[in-house]
Amino acid sequence: MRIETRAIAAETLEAQSVVQIADRIWRKDASLWSSHADVQRRILNRLGWLDAVNWTRPSIERLSLFANQVREDGFTNAVLLGMGGSSLAPAMLSKTFGSAPGYLPLEVLDTTAPDAIHAVENKVSLPSTLFLVSSKSGTTTETMSLFAYFYQRLEANKSTPGEHFIAITDAGTPLQQLAQERHFRDCFLAPADVGGRYSALTYFGMLPAALLGIDLEALVSTAVNAADNTKPTADPAENVAIHLGAALGDLALKGRDKLTLLLSPRLAPLGAWIEQLIAESTGKEGQGLIPVDNPIPGSNHADQVFVSISTVAEQERGIASELDRLRELGHPVFNWSISDLTELGGELFRWEFATAVVAYKLGINPFDEPDVADAKMATKSSLEALKSGTLATDASSLYNDNVCEWFGDKRYLDTSGDPTGPVKKLAAEVRSGDFLAILAYLPPSPEVDARLHVIRRLLQERFGIVTCLAYGPRYLHSSGQLHKGGPNSGVYLQFTAEPEHDLPIPGQGYSFQQLITAQAAGDFNVLTQRRRRILHVHLRGSVVAALEALSDVL
């Protein structure tokens, strides 16, 4: 591993301070994040991630045996059903490593968009597919809805559909009970004192890694090394996690709160995992870092701080020149590289530790998500309203044509008939230090992604601020906490569309399209109630064609 430790250390702490912080974290001193006794008690029940690698290492043999057994039993691919902390690490590992020869390719399904579910169902062969039902609480609405759908699909042709399912959850959850009742192939119980977004180095990340054929011993060993480098007995100059976390926290307090991730192509999938970890851990009490994954090239704003991670080979091919340009412009730049992909195990731990240090600097608890429940309750209310035919949002129709319809507060109404009128009104409210988040309740695909990035680039040029892109409802379990609980510096553009296919959710009385519609409506209402600036765009017809037409107008 190559890292600019001097650059990071120069931004942050003396050696004595590094040792003191390391000592307090490893002693599990909850007062580092809160002075309230009841909060400290809750924090103590969320510090198991510090020891996760020691918990996981003895489980490697079981994981390897299980991965070999399902191959012998004829399974040829796997689909993970999960959201947030249950899906982002597996997705990162699958996209980065792929599957080793003879092992199971892994699809991660973390959406309720029916077209995306339909596409995955058509891509795999259900009779030879293993489903991973992954939920820490065992009650996640999206995950359990996906399970109900695929269980019914297999039940129609299999006398023992449970053999196609395994559960990853905590002990005592409804999912564990369901796994017993439906005779799942297996149930893997993770440690209860590790929160969802800190769970990548437990079964939630390591079981998918085993199915992909990743070298678990190597992956876990790099995490162990990273953990050792954060301990008070380690060389303070090499404690990258503390130096990085302290620097990011201090810079955020000075107004540089846009954490811009410059990841080389092989490591690009890591960005979405870091985004959730940072956004959900720090975005509360009106504070927080705004992670910018996959930034628009050439981004250069005074509120940004840049972190570059690359493979050694990719850094040697030109990333360094871009970092030099940013330094010359006066931006803080942190840069390191890894020589082998299994060092991602170390990155997972390093970022978990650094995030805890950021929260210490900001004076907040990084282990809760106090504003996520509001979106869940709003979704429930919207679903009930939708089933009774009375769904409504806190929005007025602002513009309507054959491509899309715009909704939002009446102050964004433009009576000139200009299709970009609402955007112009929204742009007039943008301030220095704001960010724009595109919230796409659309089926994720390369085609949709490419067209959303065109719109993102156009709006970044128009608004003159940093932009982000997130897919719903996935982001409700990630940056959604930041949007509602973080600083009121976000400007939001929400997209919805009608699907080509709709799929019923067995036993619920509503479909996936109704669920994703309710999730978008609930999120819009909560953001509006929090006085966030937001527009909603409902696309007509083909999603790709409508996005192309909209980008032409913009």
Protein backbone atom coordinates (compact mmCIF):
# COMPACT_ATOMS: atom_id res chain seq x y z
CA MET A 1 0.00 0.00 0.00
CA ARG A 2 1.27 3.46 -0.90
CA ILE A 3 -0.09 6.45 0.97
CA GLU A 4 0.80 10.08 1.48
CA THR A 5 0.88 9.84 5.27
CA ARG A 6 2.82 13.09 5.59
CA ALA A 7 0.17 15.06 3.72
CA ILE A 8 -2.61 13.67 5.87
CA ALA A 9 -0.70 14.10 9.13
CA ALA A 10 0.15 17.69 8.27
CA GLU A 11 -3.56 18.47 8.08
CA THR A 12 -4.46 17.03 11.43
CA LEU A 13 -3.02 15.81 14.71
CA GLU A 14 0.05 15.58 16.86
CA ALA A 15 1.23 12.06 17.70
CA GLN A 16 -0.01 12.31 21.29
CA SER A 17 -3.53 13.19 20.14
CA VAL A 18 -3.54 10.25 17.73
CA VAL A 19 -2.64 7.85 20.53
CA GLN A 20 -5.27 9.31 22.86
CA ILE A 21 -8.06 9.00 20.29
CA ALA A 22 -6.99 5.47 19.36
CA ASP A 23 -6.91 4.47 23.01
CA ARG A 24 -10.40 5.82 23.71
CA ILE A 25 -11.95 4.16 20.68
CA TRP A 26 -10.35 0.78 21.36
CA ARG A 27 -11.38 1.00 25.02
CA LYS A 28 -14.89 1.57 23.64
CA ASP A 29 -15.22 4.86 25.47
CA ALA A 30 -18.69 5.96 24.34
CA SER A 31 -18.19 9.41 25.88
CA LEU A 32 -16.09 10.17 22.80
CA TRP A 33 -19.36 10.72 20.91
CA SER A 34 -21.89 11.75 23.56
CA SER A 35 -22.04 13.02 27.13
CA HIS A 36 -25.53 11.57 27.69
CA ALA A 37 -25.65 8.30 29.62
CA ASP A 38 -28.58 6.82 27.68
CA VAL A 39 -26.91 7.59 24.33
CA GLN A 40 -23.65 6.11 25.58
CA ARG A 41 -25.44 2.87 26.46
CA ARG A 42 -26.82 2.63 22.93
CA ILE A 43 -23.39 3.38 21.45
CA LEU A 44 -21.80 0.59 23.48
CA ASN A 45 -24.19 -1.81 21.76
CA ARG A 46 -22.90 -0.67 18.36
CA LEU A 47 -19.13 -1.00 18.74
CA GLY A 48 -18.81 -4.65 17.73
CA TRP A 49 -17.38 -3.61 14.36
CA LEU A 50 -14.06 -2.99 16.09
CA ASP A 51 -13.77 -6.74 16.71
CA ALA A 52 -15.63 -7.94 13.61
CA VAL A 53 -12.53 -9.34 11.94
CA ASN A 54 -11.80 -11.47 15.01
CA TRP A 55 -15.40 -12.72 14.87
CA THR A 56 -15.24 -13.42 11.14
CA ARG A 57 -11.89 -15.19 10.89
CA PRO A 58 -13.03 -18.40 12.65
CA SER A 59 -16.07 -18.44 10.32
CA ILE A 60 -14.05 -18.60 7.10
CA GLU A 61 -14.03 -22.40 7.03
CA ARG A 62 -17.82 -22.56 7.40
CA LEU A 63 -18.29 -19.96 4.65
CA SER A 64 -15.93 -21.77 2.28
CA LEU A 65 -17.61 -25.13 2.89
CA PHE A 66 -21.03 -23.60 2.27
CA ALA A 67 -19.89 -21.98 -0.99
CA ASN A 68 -18.50 -25.30 -2.22
CA GLN A 69 -21.65 -27.19 -1.20
CA VAL A 70 -24.08 -24.98 -3.12
CA ARG A 71 -21.91 -25.36 -6.22
CA GLU A 72 -21.98 -29.13 -5.84
CA ASP A 73 -25.77 -28.97 -5.44
CA GLY A 74 -26.11 -27.39 -8.87
CA PHE A 75 -26.61 -23.71 -8.16
CA THR A 76 -25.10 -21.59 -10.92
CA ASN A 77 -25.88 -18.04 -9.78
CA ALA A 78 -26.97 -16.07 -6.74
CA VAL A 79 -29.25 -13.08 -6.16
CA LEU A 80 -28.97 -11.00 -2.99
CA LEU A 81 -32.14 -9.32 -1.75
CA GLY A 82 -31.20 -6.48 0.57
CA MET A 83 -30.99 -2.75 1.13
CA GLY A 84 -28.36 -0.34 2.42
CA GLY A 85 -25.83 -1.97 4.69
CA SER A 86 -27.04 -5.41 3.58
CA SER A 87 -26.51 -4.79 -0.12
CA LEU A 88 -23.80 -2.19 -0.71
CA ALA A 89 -20.77 -4.24 0.39
CA PRO A 90 -21.89 -7.31 -1.61
CA ALA A 91 -22.54 -5.10 -4.65
CA MET A 92 -19.10 -3.54 -4.32
CA LEU A 93 -17.41 -6.94 -4.03
CA SER A 94 -19.35 -8.40 -6.95
CA LYS A 95 -18.60 -5.47 -9.27
CA THR A 96 -14.94 -5.29 -8.25
CA PHE A 97 -13.97 -8.97 -8.22
CA GLY A 98 -16.62 -10.64 -10.34
CA SER A 99 -16.95 -14.38 -9.74
CA ALA A 100 -14.00 -16.74 -9.78
CA PRO A 101 -14.15 -19.64 -12.29
CA GLY A 102 -16.72 -22.17 -11.16
CA TYR A 103 -18.22 -19.88 -8.50
CA LEU A 104 -21.58 -18.11 -8.50
CA PRO A 105 -22.09 -14.77 -10.26
CA LEU A 106 -23.96 -12.48 -7.86
CA GLU A 107 -26.78 -10.11 -8.73
CA VAL A 108 -27.68 -7.57 -6.03
CA LEU A 109 -31.33 -6.52 -6.10
CA ASP A 110 -31.80 -3.46 -3.92
CA THR A 111 -34.68 -1.73 -5.63
CA THR A 112 -38.46 -1.93 -5.73
CA ALA A 113 -38.64 -0.74 -9.36
CA PRO A 114 -40.66 -3.54 -11.03
CA ASP A 115 -38.83 -3.26 -14.36
CA ALA A 116 -35.51 -3.89 -12.58
CA ILE A 117 -36.96 -6.90 -10.72
CA HIS A 118 -38.39 -8.22 -13.99
CA ALA A 119 -34.99 -7.81 -15.68
CA VAL A 120 -33.16 -9.80 -12.99
CA GLU A 121 -35.78 -12.55 -13.10
CA ASN A 122 -35.29 -12.86 -16.85
CA LYS A 123 -31.50 -12.79 -16.53
CA VAL A 124 -31.16 -15.74 -14.16
CA SER A 125 -32.45 -19.29 -14.26
CA LEU A 126 -34.69 -19.62 -11.21
CA PRO A 127 -34.27 -23.42 -10.85
CA SER A 128 -30.50 -22.95 -10.35
CA THR A 129 -30.57 -19.65 -8.44
CA LEU A 130 -29.67 -19.23 -4.77
CA PHE A 131 -31.35 -16.26 -3.05
CA LEU A 132 -29.69 -14.46 -0.15
CA VAL A 133 -32.31 -12.72 1.99
CA SER A 134 -30.22 -10.17 3.85
CA SER A 135 -31.64 -7.93 6.58
CA LYS A 136 -30.20 -7.08 9.98
CA SER A 137 -33.60 -6.32 11.48
CA GLY A 138 -35.32 -9.09 9.55
CA THR A 139 -38.18 -6.73 8.76
CA THR A 140 -36.88 -4.49 5.93
CA THR A 141 -39.91 -3.80 3.73
CA GLU A 142 -38.10 -3.91 0.40
CA THR A 143 -36.17 -7.08 1.24
CA MET A 144 -39.17 -8.98 2.53
CA SER A 145 -41.29 -7.89 -0.44
CA LEU A 146 -38.64 -9.21 -2.82
CA PHE A 147 -38.46 -12.45 -0.87
CA ALA A 148 -42.24 -12.92 -1.03
CA TYR A 149 -42.20 -12.41 -4.80
CA PHE A 150 -39.40 -14.85 -5.61
CA TYR A 151 -40.56 -17.44 -3.08
CA GLN A 152 -43.95 -17.51 -4.79
CA ARG A 153 -42.30 -17.78 -8.21
CA LEU A 154 -40.28 -20.80 -7.06
CA GLU A 155 -43.21 -22.28 -5.11
CA ALA A 156 -45.14 -22.59 -8.37
CA ASN A 157 -42.63 -25.13 -9.71
CA LYS A 158 -40.78 -26.51 -6.68
CA SER A 159 -42.07 -28.68 -3.84
CA THR A 160 -39.26 -27.41 -1.59
CA PRO A 161 -38.70 -23.75 -2.56
CA GLY A 162 -37.00 -23.00 0.76
CA GLU A 163 -33.89 -24.84 -0.45
CA HIS A 164 -33.24 -21.89 -2.77
CA PHE A 165 -33.02 -19.39 0.11
CA ILE A 166 -30.58 -18.53 2.86
CA ALA A 167 -31.01 -15.81 5.46
CA ILE A 168 -28.42 -13.36 6.78
CA THR A 169 -29.77 -11.59 9.85
CA ASP A 170 -29.43 -11.11 13.62
CA ALA A 171 -30.53 -13.68 16.17
CA GLY A 172 -34.18 -13.53 17.17
CA THR A 173 -35.44 -11.57 14.18
CA PRO A 174 -38.63 -12.36 12.23
CA LEU A 175 -36.38 -13.36 9.32
CA GLN A 176 -34.70 -16.05 11.41
CA GLN A 177 -38.12 -17.39 12.35
CA LEU A 178 -39.23 -17.26 8.70
CA ALA A 179 -36.12 -19.20 7.68
CA GLN A 180 -37.09 -21.96 10.09
CA GLU A 181 -40.76 -22.01 9.03
CA ARG A 182 -39.99 -22.06 5.29
CA HIS A 183 -37.10 -24.52 5.66
CA PHE A 184 -34.38 -22.29 4.25
CA ARG A 185 -31.18 -24.00 3.19
CA ASP A 186 -29.31 -22.14 5.94
CA CYS A 187 -29.45 -19.13 8.24
CA PHE A 188 -26.35 -17.09 9.11
CA LEU A 189 -26.63 -15.04 12.29
CA ALA A 190 -24.41 -11.96 12.49
CA PRO A 191 -23.24 -10.27 15.72
CA ALA A 192 -25.98 -8.08 17.15
CA ASP A 193 -23.62 -5.30 18.26
CA VAL A 194 -22.58 -4.39 14.71
CA GLY A 195 -24.80 -1.85 12.95
CA GLY A 196 -25.88 -2.41 9.36
CA ARG A 197 -23.53 0.03 7.65
CA TYR A 198 -20.60 -1.26 9.72
CA SER A 199 -21.38 -4.92 8.94
CA ALA A 200 -19.35 -5.48 5.74
CA LEU A 201 -16.75 -7.60 7.53
CA THR A 202 -19.39 -9.91 9.04
CA TYR A 203 -21.64 -12.43 7.26
CA PHE A 204 -23.42 -9.58 5.45
CA GLY A 205 -20.35 -9.03 3.29
CA MET A 206 -18.28 -12.16 3.76
CA LEU A 207 -20.92 -14.74 2.79
CA PRO A 208 -21.46 -13.10 -0.64
CA ALA A 209 -17.66 -12.88 -0.94
CA ALA A 210 -17.39 -16.63 -0.34
CA LEU A 211 -20.00 -17.39 -3.01
CA LEU A 212 -18.03 -15.22 -5.47
CA GLY A 213 -14.91 -17.24 -4.74
CA ILE A 214 -12.93 -14.34 -3.25
CA ASP A 215 -9.94 -15.28 -1.10
CA LEU A 216 -11.51 -14.68 2.31
CA GLU A 217 -8.32 -15.26 4.26
CA ALA A 218 -6.51 -12.59 2.25
CA LEU A 219 -9.45 -10.17 2.46
CA VAL A 220 -9.80 -10.55 6.22
CA SER A 221 -6.03 -10.40 6.77
CA THR A 222 -5.84 -6.95 5.21
CA ALA A 223 -8.67 -5.84 7.50
CA VAL A 224 -6.74 -7.20 10.49
CA ASN A 225 -3.65 -5.25 9.40
CA ALA A 226 -5.71 -2.07 9.01
CA ALA A 227 -7.19 -2.57 12.47
CA ASP A 228 -3.75 -3.09 13.97
CA ASN A 229 -2.59 0.20 12.44
CA THR A 230 -5.34 2.07 14.32
CA LYS A 231 -4.39 0.82 17.76
CA PRO A 232 -2.67 3.05 20.33
CA THR A 233 0.45 0.86 20.19
CA ALA A 234 0.89 1.48 16.44
CA ASP A 235 3.09 4.17 14.92
CA PRO A 236 0.98 7.38 15.12
CA ALA A 237 2.33 8.55 11.76
CA GLU A 238 0.92 5.42 10.11
CA ASN A 239 -2.53 5.71 11.68
CA VAL A 240 -4.15 6.77 8.43
CA ALA A 241 -7.71 6.27 9.67
CA ILE A 242 -7.39 8.73 12.55
CA HIS A 243 -5.48 11.32 10.52
CA LEU A 244 -8.00 11.10 7.68
CA GLY A 245 -11.06 11.19 9.95
CA ALA A 246 -9.75 14.14 11.96
CA ALA A 247 -8.84 16.03 8.79
CA LEU A 248 -12.26 15.46 7.20
CA GLY A 249 -14.01 16.53 10.41
CA ASP A 250 -11.93 19.69 10.80
CA LEU A 251 -12.33 20.62 7.15
CA ALA A 252 -16.10 20.11 7.35
CA LEU A 253 -16.27 22.50 10.29
CA LYS A 254 -14.44 25.04 8.13
CA GLY A 255 -16.95 24.69 5.27
CA ARG A 256 -15.27 22.01 3.17
CA ASP A 257 -17.98 19.43 3.68
CA LYS A 258 -18.21 17.94 0.15
CA LEU A 259 -16.19 14.72 0.37
CA THR A 260 -15.38 14.08 -3.28
CA LEU A 261 -14.27 10.54 -4.08
CA LEU A 262 -11.82 10.12 -6.95
CA LEU A 263 -11.68 6.36 -7.35
CA SER A 264 -9.84 4.57 -10.14
CA PRO A 265 -12.01 2.45 -12.47
CA ARG A 266 -11.27 -0.84 -10.72
CA LEU A 267 -12.19 0.66 -7.34
CA ALA A 268 -15.16 2.77 -8.47
CA PRO A 269 -17.73 0.37 -6.89
CA LEU A 270 -16.29 1.23 -3.46
CA GLY A 271 -17.81 4.71 -3.72
CA ALA A 272 -21.43 3.74 -3.04
CA TRP A 273 -20.40 1.86 0.10
CA ILE A 274 -18.36 4.82 1.41
CA GLU A 275 -21.26 7.13 0.54
CA GLN A 276 -23.67 5.26 2.80
CA LEU A 277 -21.18 4.93 5.63
CA ILE A 278 -20.35 8.64 5.64
CA ALA A 279 -23.80 10.06 4.89
CA GLU A 280 -25.80 7.96 7.34
CA SER A 281 -23.19 8.21 10.10
CA THR A 282 -22.53 11.95 9.97
CA GLY A 283 -25.66 13.49 8.43
CA LYS A 284 -27.62 14.48 11.52
CA GLU A 285 -28.20 17.33 13.96
CA GLY A 286 -27.83 19.79 11.06
CA GLN A 287 -24.29 18.63 10.33
CA GLY A 288 -22.58 16.10 8.12
CA LEU A 289 -20.20 15.36 5.30
CA ILE A 290 -21.78 15.23 1.85
CA PRO A 291 -20.12 12.36 -0.03
CA VAL A 292 -19.82 12.93 -3.78
CA ASP A 293 -19.44 9.61 -5.57
CA ASN A 294 -18.52 9.50 -9.26
CA PRO A 295 -18.09 13.29 -9.48
CA ILE A 296 -18.46 15.25 -12.70
CA PRO A 297 -14.96 15.55 -14.25
CA GLY A 298 -13.31 18.90 -13.62
CA SER A 299 -15.35 19.58 -10.49
CA ASN A 300 -13.73 22.48 -8.66
CA HIS A 301 -15.57 24.20 -5.82
CA ALA A 302 -14.29 25.88 -2.67
CA ASP A 303 -16.32 23.56 -0.42
CA GLN A 304 -14.74 20.33 -1.70
CA VAL A 305 -12.12 18.00 -0.24
CA PHE A 306 -10.78 15.22 -2.45
CA VAL A 307 -9.89 11.64 -1.53
CA SER A 308 -8.29 9.53 -4.23
CA ILE A 309 -7.89 5.77 -3.97
CA SER A 310 -6.53 3.73 -6.85
CA THR A 311 -4.74 0.57 -7.72
CA VAL A 312 -1.02 1.15 -8.14
CA ALA A 313 -1.20 0.34 -11.84
CA GLU A 314 -4.03 2.79 -12.49
CA GLN A 315 -2.37 5.59 -10.56
CA GLU A 316 0.70 5.22 -12.72
CA ARG A 317 -1.48 5.76 -15.78
CA GLY A 318 -2.38 9.37 -15.09
CA ILE A 319 -4.46 9.94 -11.96
CA ALA A 320 -1.51 11.78 -10.41
CA SER A 321 -1.73 14.68 -12.89
CA GLU A 322 -5.35 15.41 -11.90
CA LEU A 323 -4.40 15.39 -8.23
CA ASP A 324 -1.55 17.82 -8.92
CA ARG A 325 -4.04 20.15 -10.64
CA LEU A 326 -6.33 20.09 -7.62
CA ARG A 327 -3.47 20.79 -5.23
CA GLU A 328 -2.35 23.73 -7.33
CA LEU A 329 -5.89 25.12 -7.03
CA GLY A 330 -5.58 24.94 -3.24
CA HIS A 331 -7.80 21.95 -2.53
CA PRO A 332 -7.03 19.44 0.25
CA VAL A 333 -6.17 16.16 -1.48
CA PHE A 334 -5.66 12.81 0.25
CA ASN A 335 -4.28 10.06 -1.91
CA TRP A 336 -3.32 6.43 -1.55
CA SER A 337 -3.20 3.30 -3.63
CA ILE A 338 -3.49 -0.44 -3.15
CA SER A 339 -1.45 -3.09 -4.91
CA ASP A 340 -3.96 -5.94 -4.66
CA LEU A 341 -7.76 -5.97 -4.68
CA THR A 342 -7.90 -8.03 -1.50
CA GLU A 343 -6.64 -4.89 0.28
CA LEU A 344 -10.25 -3.73 0.04
CA GLY A 345 -10.75 -5.58 3.31
CA GLY A 346 -8.42 -3.03 4.86
CA GLU A 347 -10.27 -0.17 3.17
CA LEU A 348 -13.55 -1.30 4.72
CA PHE A 349 -12.12 -1.16 8.23
CA ARG A 350 -10.11 2.01 7.59
CA TRP A 351 -13.20 3.93 6.48
CA GLU A 352 -15.30 2.60 9.37
CA PHE A 353 -12.68 3.83 11.84
CA ALA A 354 -12.19 7.16 10.03
CA THR A 355 -15.94 7.77 10.03
CA ALA A 356 -16.06 7.27 13.79
CA VAL A 357 -13.30 9.88 14.11
CA VAL A 358 -15.16 12.34 11.85
CA ALA A 359 -18.20 12.00 14.12
CA TYR A 360 -16.03 12.65 17.17
CA LYS A 361 -14.80 15.85 15.55
CA LEU A 362 -18.38 16.92 14.72
CA GLY A 363 -19.67 15.99 18.18
CA ILE A 364 -22.33 13.53 16.98
CA ASN A 365 -23.25 9.87 17.40
CA PRO A 366 -22.24 7.99 14.23
CA PHE A 367 -24.10 4.81 15.11
CA ASP A 368 -27.75 5.88 14.90
CA GLU A 369 -30.02 7.06 12.07
CA PRO A 370 -32.67 9.18 13.81
CA ASP A 371 -34.34 10.54 10.66
CA VAL A 372 -34.67 7.33 8.65
CA ALA A 373 -37.84 6.29 10.52
CA ASP A 374 -39.70 9.36 9.21
CA ALA A 375 -39.37 8.18 5.61
CA LYS A 376 -40.57 4.69 6.59
CA MET A 377 -43.65 6.09 8.32
CA ALA A 378 -44.35 8.40 5.39
CA THR A 379 -44.14 5.45 3.00
CA LYS A 380 -46.62 3.52 5.14
CA SER A 381 -49.05 6.44 5.12
CA SER A 382 -48.64 6.87 1.37
CA LEU A 383 -49.30 3.18 0.76
CA GLU A 384 -52.52 3.30 2.75
CA ALA A 385 -53.58 6.41 0.83
CA LEU A 386 -52.63 4.81 -2.48
CA LYS A 387 -54.69 1.70 -1.80
CA SER A 388 -57.71 3.88 -1.02
CA GLY A 389 -57.13 6.03 -4.11
CA THR A 390 -56.28 9.22 -2.19
CA LEU A 391 -52.48 9.46 -2.53
CA ALA A 392 -51.28 13.05 -2.40
CA THR A 393 -47.99 14.88 -2.05
CA ASP A 394 -47.18 18.31 -0.72
CA ALA A 395 -46.84 19.59 -4.28
CA SER A 396 -48.62 21.44 -7.06
CA SER A 397 -48.44 20.71 -10.77
CA LEU A 398 -46.04 23.26 -12.26
CA TYR A 399 -45.66 22.21 -15.88
CA ASN A 400 -47.03 19.38 -18.04
CA ASP A 401 -46.27 18.11 -21.54
CA ASN A 402 -45.96 14.80 -23.38
CA VAL A 403 -42.48 14.16 -21.94
CA CYS A 404 -42.99 14.80 -18.24
CA GLU A 405 -44.91 16.64 -15.54
CA TRP A 406 -43.20 18.84 -12.95
CA PHE A 407 -44.42 19.12 -9.35
CA GLY A 408 -43.32 21.25 -6.43
CA ASP A 409 -44.12 24.18 -4.20
CA LYS A 410 -46.14 26.92 -5.90
CA ARG A 411 -43.21 29.32 -5.63
CA TYR A 412 -41.57 27.32 -8.45
CA LEU A 413 -44.51 27.93 -10.79
CA ASP A 414 -43.62 29.75 -14.02
CA THR A 415 -46.66 30.84 -16.04
CA SER A 416 -44.65 31.62 -19.19
CA GLY A 417 -44.98 28.08 -20.50
CA ASP A 418 -41.21 27.58 -20.42
CA PRO A 419 -40.54 23.86 -19.79
CA THR A 420 -37.41 24.82 -17.82
CA GLY A 421 -39.30 27.39 -15.76
CA PRO A 422 -39.40 25.32 -12.54
CA VAL A 423 -35.66 24.63 -12.79
CA LYS A 424 -34.92 28.33 -13.26
CA LYS A 425 -37.01 29.17 -10.22
CA LEU A 426 -35.18 26.52 -8.22
CA ALA A 427 -31.80 27.75 -9.47
CA ALA A 428 -32.62 31.23 -8.18
CA GLU A 429 -32.65 29.83 -4.63
CA VAL A 430 -29.23 28.15 -4.87
CA ARG A 431 -26.55 29.48 -2.51
CA SER A 432 -22.81 29.03 -2.34
CA GLY A 433 -22.07 25.82 -0.44
CA ASP A 434 -25.25 24.05 -1.58
CA PHE A 435 -25.34 20.72 -3.38
CA LEU A 436 -27.80 19.22 -5.86
CA ALA A 437 -28.96 15.61 -5.43
CA ILE A 438 -30.79 13.83 -8.23
CA LEU A 439 -33.09 11.27 -6.59
CA ALA A 440 -34.10 8.72 -9.21
CA TYR A 441 -36.96 6.36 -8.38
CA LEU A 442 -36.21 4.63 -11.68
CA PRO A 443 -35.00 1.15 -12.68
CA PRO A 444 -31.19 1.27 -12.43
CA SER A 445 -29.49 0.38 -15.71
CA PRO A 446 -26.45 1.57 -17.69
CA GLU A 447 -28.76 3.35 -20.15
CA VAL A 448 -30.72 5.20 -17.47
CA ASP A 449 -27.53 5.95 -15.56
CA ALA A 450 -25.82 7.50 -18.59
CA ARG A 451 -28.73 9.83 -19.31
CA LEU A 452 -29.09 10.88 -15.69
CA HIS A 453 -25.40 11.78 -15.66
CA VAL A 454 -25.95 14.02 -18.69
CA ILE A 455 -28.70 15.84 -16.78
CA ARG A 456 -26.49 15.96 -13.70
CA ARG A 457 -23.67 17.58 -15.69
CA LEU A 458 -26.01 20.13 -17.27
CA LEU A 459 -27.47 21.10 -13.90
CA GLN A 460 -24.06 21.31 -12.27
CA GLU A 461 -23.04 23.81 -14.95
CA ARG A 462 -26.30 25.71 -14.53
CA PHE A 463 -26.38 25.77 -10.72
CA GLY A 464 -22.64 26.10 -10.14
CA ILE A 465 -22.63 23.67 -7.21
CA VAL A 466 -21.56 20.09 -6.52
CA THR A 467 -24.01 17.39 -7.65
CA CYS A 468 -24.82 13.83 -6.58
CA LEU A 469 -26.92 11.03 -8.07
CA ALA A 470 -28.81 8.44 -6.02
CA TYR A 471 -31.37 5.77 -6.86
CA GLY A 472 -34.48 5.37 -4.76
CA PRO A 473 -35.52 3.65 -2.63
CA ARG A 474 -31.91 2.51 -2.18
CA TYR A 475 -30.74 5.93 -0.98
CA LEU A 476 -33.39 6.01 1.76
CA HIS A 477 -31.08 3.55 3.54
CA SER A 478 -28.00 5.62 2.71
CA SER A 479 -27.89 9.35 2.00
CA GLY A 480 -31.56 9.73 2.94
CA GLN A 481 -30.51 10.29 6.56
CA LEU A 482 -28.21 13.12 5.44
CA HIS A 483 -30.93 14.73 3.30
CA LYS A 484 -33.28 15.01 6.24
CA GLY A 485 -30.98 15.31 9.25
CA GLY A 486 -27.92 16.99 7.79
CA PRO A 487 -27.34 20.61 6.83
CA ASN A 488 -30.14 22.32 4.90
CA SER A 489 -27.84 22.84 1.93
CA GLY A 490 -29.41 20.29 -0.37
CA VAL A 491 -31.39 21.05 -3.53
CA TYR A 492 -33.30 18.00 -4.74
CA LEU A 493 -34.66 16.82 -8.09
CA GLN A 494 -36.77 13.68 -7.74
CA PHE A 495 -37.65 11.46 -10.72
CA THR A 496 -40.43 8.89 -11.05
CA ALA A 497 -41.86 7.02 -14.04
CA GLU A 498 -44.45 4.45 -15.09
CA PRO A 499 -43.07 0.91 -15.56
CA GLU A 500 -43.36 -1.35 -18.58
CA HIS A 501 -44.16 -4.21 -16.19
CA ASP A 502 -45.77 -4.20 -12.78
CA LEU A 503 -45.48 -7.08 -10.36
CA PRO A 504 -47.74 -7.91 -7.41
CA ILE A 505 -46.26 -8.40 -3.96
CA PRO A 506 -47.78 -11.61 -2.58
CA GLY A 507 -49.88 -11.18 0.52
CA GLN A 508 -49.70 -7.38 0.61
CA GLY A 509 -52.56 -6.14 -1.53
CA TYR A 510 -50.32 -3.78 -3.51
CA SER A 511 -47.72 -4.04 -6.25
CA PHE A 512 -44.07 -3.07 -6.52
CA GLN A 513 -45.02 -0.02 -8.58
CA GLN A 514 -47.42 1.08 -5.86
CA LEU A 515 -44.67 0.53 -3.27
CA ILE A 516 -42.04 2.59 -5.11
CA THR A 517 -44.63 5.29 -5.83
CA ALA A 518 -45.47 5.47 -2.12
CA GLN A 519 -41.79 5.57 -1.21
CA ALA A 520 -41.16 8.50 -3.56
CA ALA A 521 -44.25 10.35 -2.33
CA GLY A 522 -43.38 9.76 1.32
CA ASP A 523 -39.81 10.94 0.81
CA PHE A 524 -40.99 14.05 -1.05
CA ASN A 525 -43.41 14.91 1.73
CA VAL A 526 -40.79 14.50 4.48
CA LEU A 527 -38.23 16.60 2.60
CA THR A 528 -40.87 19.29 2.04
CA GLN A 529 -41.85 19.24 5.72
CA ARG A 530 -38.16 19.68 6.58
CA ARG A 531 -38.23 22.80 4.35
CA ARG A 532 -35.89 21.30 1.78
CA ARG A 533 -35.92 22.71 -1.75
CA ILE A 534 -37.25 20.00 -4.04
CA LEU A 535 -38.86 19.45 -7.44
CA HIS A 536 -40.48 16.23 -8.60
CA VAL A 537 -40.43 15.18 -12.27
CA HIS A 538 -42.72 12.37 -13.43
CA LEU A 539 -41.54 10.94 -16.77
CA ARG A 540 -43.95 9.74 -19.43
CA GLY A 541 -43.46 6.71 -21.68
CA SER A 542 -40.00 5.23 -22.14
CA VAL A 543 -37.72 6.29 -19.29
CA VAL A 544 -34.66 6.49 -21.54
CA ALA A 545 -36.47 8.46 -24.24
CA ALA A 546 -38.00 10.86 -21.71
CA LEU A 547 -34.61 11.50 -20.08
CA GLU A 548 -33.08 12.16 -23.51
CA ALA A 549 -35.84 14.64 -24.34
CA LEU A 550 -35.48 16.33 -20.96
CA SER A 551 -31.72 16.71 -21.35
CA ASP A 552 -32.28 18.29 -24.78
CA VAL A 553 -34.62 20.85 -23.20
CA LEU A 554 -32.20 21.58 -20.37
